[in-house]
Amino acid sequence: MANEDDVLKDDEQAVALVPDAVGDEAADAPAVAEVADSEASNAADAGDAQAAETSTVETPEAPETENSASETAQMVRKKIKGLPGRWYVLHTYAGYEKRVKQDLEIRLHSMNMEDYIFQVEVPMEEVIEVRKGQNKLVSRVRMPGYALIRMDMTNDSWRVVQETNGVTGFVGNGRNPVALSEDEVVDMLTPVVEQQVAHEAVAAGKPVPGGGPVLVTQYEVGETVTLTTEPWIGMPATISQIDPVNQRLTVLMTLVGQETPVELSFSQVQKMD
């Protein structure tokens, strides 16, 4: 099997996912109610309509990010309705997801499967990783070892997919894979379409919905690391908190028989072998 770097490009994975996608309050409650009733009564007696209006409390609107995510999901749901075939999940060799997509797109044409295999996708995402003390924007596979395919399942189409280099099988019931539900497809495709929307917002000079790429680190809460700073060089510690923005960790280490929290920078610890 050829190396992925020989075949792949950093491509437009996110663009074509969907065709044409674009405690004491209870005790005070009676008193509050009496004051409100008194004010409303006085306002009515005086004919003061404006005072009555000010007693009305408006329901706060939902956060914009939630509205944006909901709108994107609805857009995805609308676009996938009526498309031919059903969506399935393929299991692939880790690191060969994009290679599988490319090989399948070649095979479906060379083996005249265009009427049965319609779309292959490897959902991608953009995240900010901390590398050598610097924040770097990177694109990575959202579901390592998996790809999505939209197809009509027949003996021939199953064989074409199954026999593609890098494919280890369909996720589901062996020879009779179980298709994804509409909700499952929407859940898998929505984050990728959100990335596309974010790219369009940046190009148009508008704010990025949802705040943009997520900052991630190579560390995880609960992970054991080795300290590399004096006077604790070589001592193990467990990560209890992570501050990726400021590149700092809070670790728990045993000092004088007691577990003690210590705040350190990323550069003062290292992963254990």
Protein backbone atom coordinates (compact mmCIF):
# COMPACT_ATOMS: atom_id res chain seq x y z
CA MET A 1 0.00 0.00 0.00
CA ALA A 2 1.44 3.37 -0.95
CA ASN A 3 2.29 5.86 1.77
CA GLU A 4 -0.50 8.31 2.39
CA ASP A 5 1.85 11.30 1.91
CA ASP A 6 2.49 10.18 -1.70
CA VAL A 7 -1.14 10.35 -2.58
CA LEU A 8 -2.94 12.83 -0.40
CA LYS A 9 -3.22 16.56 -0.59
CA ASP A 10 -4.40 18.89 2.10
CA ASP A 11 -7.72 19.19 0.41
CA GLU A 12 -11.20 20.60 0.63
CA GLN A 13 -12.59 17.78 2.83
CA ALA A 14 -15.13 19.94 4.58
CA VAL A 15 -16.52 21.65 1.45
CA ALA A 16 -18.31 18.76 -0.28
CA LEU A 17 -19.88 16.94 2.63
CA VAL A 18 -23.42 17.81 1.68
CA PRO A 19 -24.28 18.59 -1.92
CA ASP A 20 -24.85 22.37 -2.22
CA ALA A 21 -24.35 22.76 1.48
CA VAL A 22 -23.61 25.61 2.50
CA GLY A 23 -30.63 29.48 48.57
CA ASP A 24 -32.89 31.89 50.18
CA GLU A 25 -35.06 33.12 47.39
CA ALA A 26 -38.08 31.02 48.36
CA ALA A 27 -38.35 32.75 51.73
CA ASP A 28 -38.44 36.20 50.10
CA ALA A 29 -40.94 35.26 47.38
CA PRO A 30 -44.17 36.32 49.25
CA ALA A 31 -42.75 39.77 50.01
CA VAL A 32 -41.65 40.24 46.43
CA ALA A 33 -45.08 39.24 45.19
CA GLU A 34 -46.80 41.74 47.52
CA VAL A 35 -44.58 44.58 46.33
CA ALA A 36 -45.23 43.70 42.70
CA ASP A 37 -49.01 43.55 43.29
CA SER A 38 -48.95 46.91 45.07
CA GLU A 39 -47.00 48.58 42.30
CA ALA A 40 -49.24 47.18 39.61
CA SER A 41 -52.33 48.38 41.51
CA ASN A 42 -50.93 51.87 41.95
CA ALA A 43 -50.00 52.04 38.30
CA ALA A 44 -53.49 51.02 37.24
CA ASP A 45 -55.15 53.55 39.60
CA ALA A 46 -52.97 56.36 38.27
CA GLY A 47 -53.43 55.29 34.69
CA ASP A 48 -49.71 54.96 34.38
CA ALA A 49 -49.38 52.44 31.54
CA GLN A 50 -45.64 52.88 31.31
CA ALA A 51 -45.13 51.82 34.94
CA ALA A 52 -47.18 48.69 34.29
CA GLU A 53 -45.03 47.86 31.29
CA THR A 54 -41.82 48.09 33.30
CA SER A 55 -43.03 45.29 35.58
CA THR A 56 -42.92 42.85 32.67
CA VAL A 57 -39.84 40.60 32.55
CA GLU A 58 -38.81 39.38 29.10
CA THR A 59 -37.49 35.86 28.59
CA PRO A 60 -33.80 36.02 27.62
CA GLU A 61 -32.93 34.82 24.16
CA ALA A 62 -30.91 31.64 23.67
CA PRO A 63 -27.17 32.13 23.13
CA GLU A 64 -26.20 32.86 19.57
CA THR A 65 -23.87 29.87 19.41
CA GLU A 66 -26.70 27.49 20.26
CA ASN A 67 -28.92 29.08 17.61
CA SER A 68 -26.12 28.81 15.06
CA ALA A 69 -25.53 25.11 15.78
CA SER A 70 -29.25 24.40 15.57
CA GLU A 71 -29.56 26.24 12.27
CA THR A 72 -26.61 24.35 10.81
CA ALA A 73 -28.08 21.01 11.89
CA GLN A 74 -31.39 21.92 10.28
CA MET A 75 -29.58 22.88 7.08
CA VAL A 76 -27.78 19.52 7.00
CA ARG A 77 -31.03 17.65 7.66
CA LYS A 78 -32.72 19.47 4.80
CA LYS A 79 -29.90 18.80 2.35
CA ILE A 80 -29.61 15.06 3.01
CA LYS A 81 -33.33 14.42 2.64
CA GLY A 82 -34.18 12.70 -0.61
CA LEU A 83 -30.59 11.85 -1.57
CA PRO A 84 -30.20 8.39 -3.11
CA GLY A 85 -28.67 5.60 -1.05
CA ARG A 86 -28.11 5.33 2.67
CA TRP A 87 -25.17 6.29 4.86
CA TYR A 88 -22.85 3.66 6.32
CA VAL A 89 -19.65 3.81 8.37
CA LEU A 90 -16.47 2.18 7.10
CA HIS A 91 -13.66 1.01 9.34
CA THR A 92 -10.22 1.76 7.88
CA TYR A 93 -6.60 1.44 8.85
CA ALA A 94 -5.71 4.39 11.10
CA GLY A 95 -4.06 7.11 9.06
CA TYR A 96 -5.45 5.80 5.75
CA GLU A 97 -8.88 7.47 5.92
CA LYS A 98 -8.24 9.97 3.12
CA ARG A 99 -6.42 7.36 1.04
CA VAL A 100 -9.49 5.10 1.29
CA LYS A 101 -11.71 7.97 0.12
CA GLN A 102 -9.51 8.59 -2.92
CA ASP A 103 -9.23 4.91 -3.84
CA LEU A 104 -12.98 4.39 -3.52
CA GLU A 105 -13.73 7.36 -5.75
CA ILE A 106 -11.45 5.89 -8.41
CA ARG A 107 -12.86 2.37 -8.08
CA LEU A 108 -16.51 3.36 -8.24
CA HIS A 109 -15.86 4.89 -11.68
CA SER A 110 -13.55 2.19 -13.02
CA MET A 111 -16.01 -0.53 -11.95
CA ASN A 112 -19.13 1.30 -13.12
CA MET A 113 -20.59 1.69 -9.64
CA GLU A 114 -21.73 5.30 -10.08
CA ASP A 115 -25.37 4.22 -9.81
CA TYR A 116 -24.75 2.45 -6.49
CA ILE A 117 -21.94 4.33 -4.69
CA PHE A 118 -22.60 8.06 -4.50
CA GLN A 119 -20.42 9.75 -1.91
CA VAL A 120 -17.45 9.05 0.36
CA GLU A 121 -16.52 11.44 3.14
CA VAL A 122 -13.79 11.69 5.77
CA PRO A 123 -15.03 14.35 8.22
CA MET A 124 -12.26 16.76 9.17
CA GLU A 125 -11.95 19.41 11.86
CA GLU A 126 -9.67 22.34 12.59
CA VAL A 127 -8.18 22.68 16.06
CA ILE A 128 -5.44 24.73 17.67
CA GLU A 129 -2.65 22.61 19.10
CA VAL A 130 0.17 23.78 21.35
CA ARG A 131 3.47 22.79 19.78
CA LYS A 132 6.77 23.84 21.30
CA GLY A 133 5.03 26.63 23.18
CA GLN A 134 3.29 27.97 20.07
CA ASN A 135 -0.38 27.72 19.08
CA LYS A 136 -0.75 26.16 15.65
CA LEU A 137 -3.91 25.68 13.58
CA VAL A 138 -4.07 22.14 12.23
CA SER A 139 -6.61 20.10 10.28
CA ARG A 140 -7.19 16.55 11.49
CA VAL A 141 -9.55 13.62 10.96
CA ARG A 142 -12.50 13.88 13.32
CA MET A 143 -12.98 10.10 13.59
CA PRO A 144 -9.61 8.36 13.15
CA GLY A 145 -10.04 4.95 11.55
CA TYR A 146 -13.46 5.68 10.07
CA ALA A 147 -15.05 7.08 6.91
CA LEU A 148 -18.63 7.68 5.80
CA ILE A 149 -20.12 6.34 2.59
CA ARG A 150 -23.50 6.92 0.92
CA MET A 151 -24.52 3.99 -1.26
CA ASP A 152 -27.12 1.45 -2.27
CA MET A 153 -26.11 -1.82 -0.65
CA THR A 154 -25.95 -4.66 -3.17
CA ASN A 155 -23.66 -7.67 -3.44
CA ASP A 156 -21.56 -5.93 -6.08
CA SER A 157 -21.34 -2.55 -4.37
CA TRP A 158 -20.54 -4.22 -1.05
CA ARG A 159 -17.71 -6.17 -2.71
CA VAL A 160 -16.25 -3.08 -4.40
CA VAL A 161 -16.09 -1.25 -1.08
CA GLN A 162 -14.97 -4.23 0.98
CA GLU A 163 -12.11 -5.04 -1.37
CA THR A 164 -10.72 -1.49 -1.42
CA ASN A 165 -7.21 -1.16 0.00
CA GLY A 166 -7.27 0.15 3.55
CA VAL A 167 -10.88 -0.86 4.26
CA THR A 168 -11.20 -3.43 7.05
CA GLY A 169 -14.98 -3.66 6.87
CA PHE A 170 -18.29 -1.98 7.46
CA VAL A 171 -19.29 -1.02 10.97
CA GLY A 172 -22.32 -3.09 11.88
CA ASN A 173 -23.53 -6.59 11.26
CA GLY A 174 -20.73 -8.06 9.15
CA ARG A 175 -22.09 -8.92 5.71
CA ASN A 176 -25.28 -6.93 6.36
CA PRO A 177 -24.13 -3.51 7.60
CA VAL A 178 -26.60 -1.37 9.50
CA ALA A 179 -27.26 2.02 7.91
CA LEU A 180 -27.05 5.18 9.98
CA SER A 181 -30.23 6.90 11.08
CA GLU A 182 -30.93 10.43 9.87
CA ASP A 183 -30.09 11.84 13.31
CA GLU A 184 -26.76 10.00 13.33
CA VAL A 185 -25.86 11.36 9.91
CA VAL A 186 -26.76 14.90 10.98
CA ASP A 187 -24.64 14.56 14.15
CA MET A 188 -21.63 13.43 12.12
CA LEU A 189 -21.90 15.99 9.34
CA THR A 190 -22.99 19.09 11.28
CA PRO A 191 -19.58 19.90 12.85
CA VAL A 192 -17.93 19.69 9.46
CA VAL A 193 -20.49 21.98 7.85
CA GLU A 194 -19.95 24.37 10.76
CA GLN A 195 -16.29 24.44 9.76
CA GLN A 196 -17.28 25.34 6.21
CA VAL A 197 -19.52 28.12 7.53
CA ALA A 198 -16.61 29.39 9.63
CA HIS A 199 -14.35 29.53 6.56
CA GLU A 200 -16.99 31.52 4.69
CA ALA A 201 -17.35 33.90 7.63
CA VAL A 202 -13.59 34.52 7.74
CA ALA A 203 -13.51 35.13 3.98
CA ALA A 204 -16.34 37.67 4.35
CA GLY A 205 -14.69 39.38 7.31
CA LYS A 206 -17.47 38.37 9.69
CA PRO A 207 -17.26 36.90 13.22
CA VAL A 208 -16.82 33.13 13.31
CA PRO A 209 -19.94 31.42 14.71
CA GLY A 210 -19.21 29.46 17.87
CA GLY A 211 -15.86 31.16 18.44
CA GLY A 212 -13.73 29.25 15.93
CA PRO A 213 -11.35 26.30 16.34
CA VAL A 214 -11.00 24.65 19.74
CA LEU A 215 -7.69 24.83 21.57
CA VAL A 216 -6.44 21.35 22.43
CA THR A 217 -3.32 20.08 24.17
CA GLN A 218 -1.31 16.89 24.28
CA TYR A 219 -2.19 16.47 27.95
CA GLU A 220 -5.32 15.07 29.62
CA VAL A 221 -6.78 15.38 33.11
CA GLY A 222 -5.86 12.27 35.12
CA GLU A 223 -2.73 11.61 33.08
CA THR A 224 0.53 10.91 34.94
CA VAL A 225 3.51 13.01 33.88
CA THR A 226 7.14 13.37 34.97
CA LEU A 227 8.36 16.69 36.36
CA THR A 228 11.37 18.26 34.66
CA THR A 229 11.94 21.25 36.95
CA GLU A 230 14.00 21.64 40.12
CA PRO A 231 13.72 20.45 42.82
CA TRP A 232 11.36 17.73 41.63
CA ILE A 233 13.13 16.42 38.51
CA GLY A 234 12.02 12.88 37.78
CA MET A 235 9.10 12.86 40.20
CA PRO A 236 5.72 11.62 38.92
CA ALA A 237 2.58 13.74 39.24
CA THR A 238 -1.04 13.51 38.14
CA ILE A 239 -2.68 16.27 36.10
CA SER A 240 -5.78 17.68 37.84
CA GLN A 241 -6.40 20.83 35.78
CA ILE A 242 -5.34 22.15 32.37
CA ASP A 243 -5.20 25.78 31.25
CA PRO A 244 -4.41 25.51 27.53
CA VAL A 245 -4.73 29.24 26.87
CA ASN A 246 -1.95 30.10 29.33
CA GLN A 247 -0.18 26.77 28.77
CA ARG A 248 -0.20 25.81 32.43
CA LEU A 249 -1.11 22.68 34.40
CA THR A 250 -2.10 21.96 37.98
CA VAL A 251 -0.60 18.66 39.05
CA LEU A 252 -0.98 16.62 42.20
CA MET A 253 2.27 15.37 43.68
CA THR A 254 3.14 13.66 46.97
CA LEU A 255 5.16 15.88 49.30
CA VAL A 256 5.93 14.84 52.91
CA GLY A 257 3.34 12.12 52.64
CA GLN A 258 0.56 14.42 51.47
CA GLU A 259 -0.93 15.00 48.02
CA THR A 260 -0.17 18.62 47.14
CA PRO A 261 -1.36 20.66 44.12
CA VAL A 262 1.40 22.46 42.22
CA GLU A 263 0.96 24.78 39.23
CA LEU A 264 3.49 24.37 36.45
CA SER A 265 3.96 25.36 32.82
CA PHE A 266 3.75 22.85 29.98
CA SER A 267 7.54 23.04 29.64
CA GLN A 268 8.06 21.84 33.22
CA VAL A 269 6.55 18.41 32.66
CA GLN A 270 6.84 15.66 30.12
CA LYS A 271 4.78 12.66 29.16
CA MET A 272 5.82 9.36 30.70
CA ASP A 273 7.23 6.72 28.36
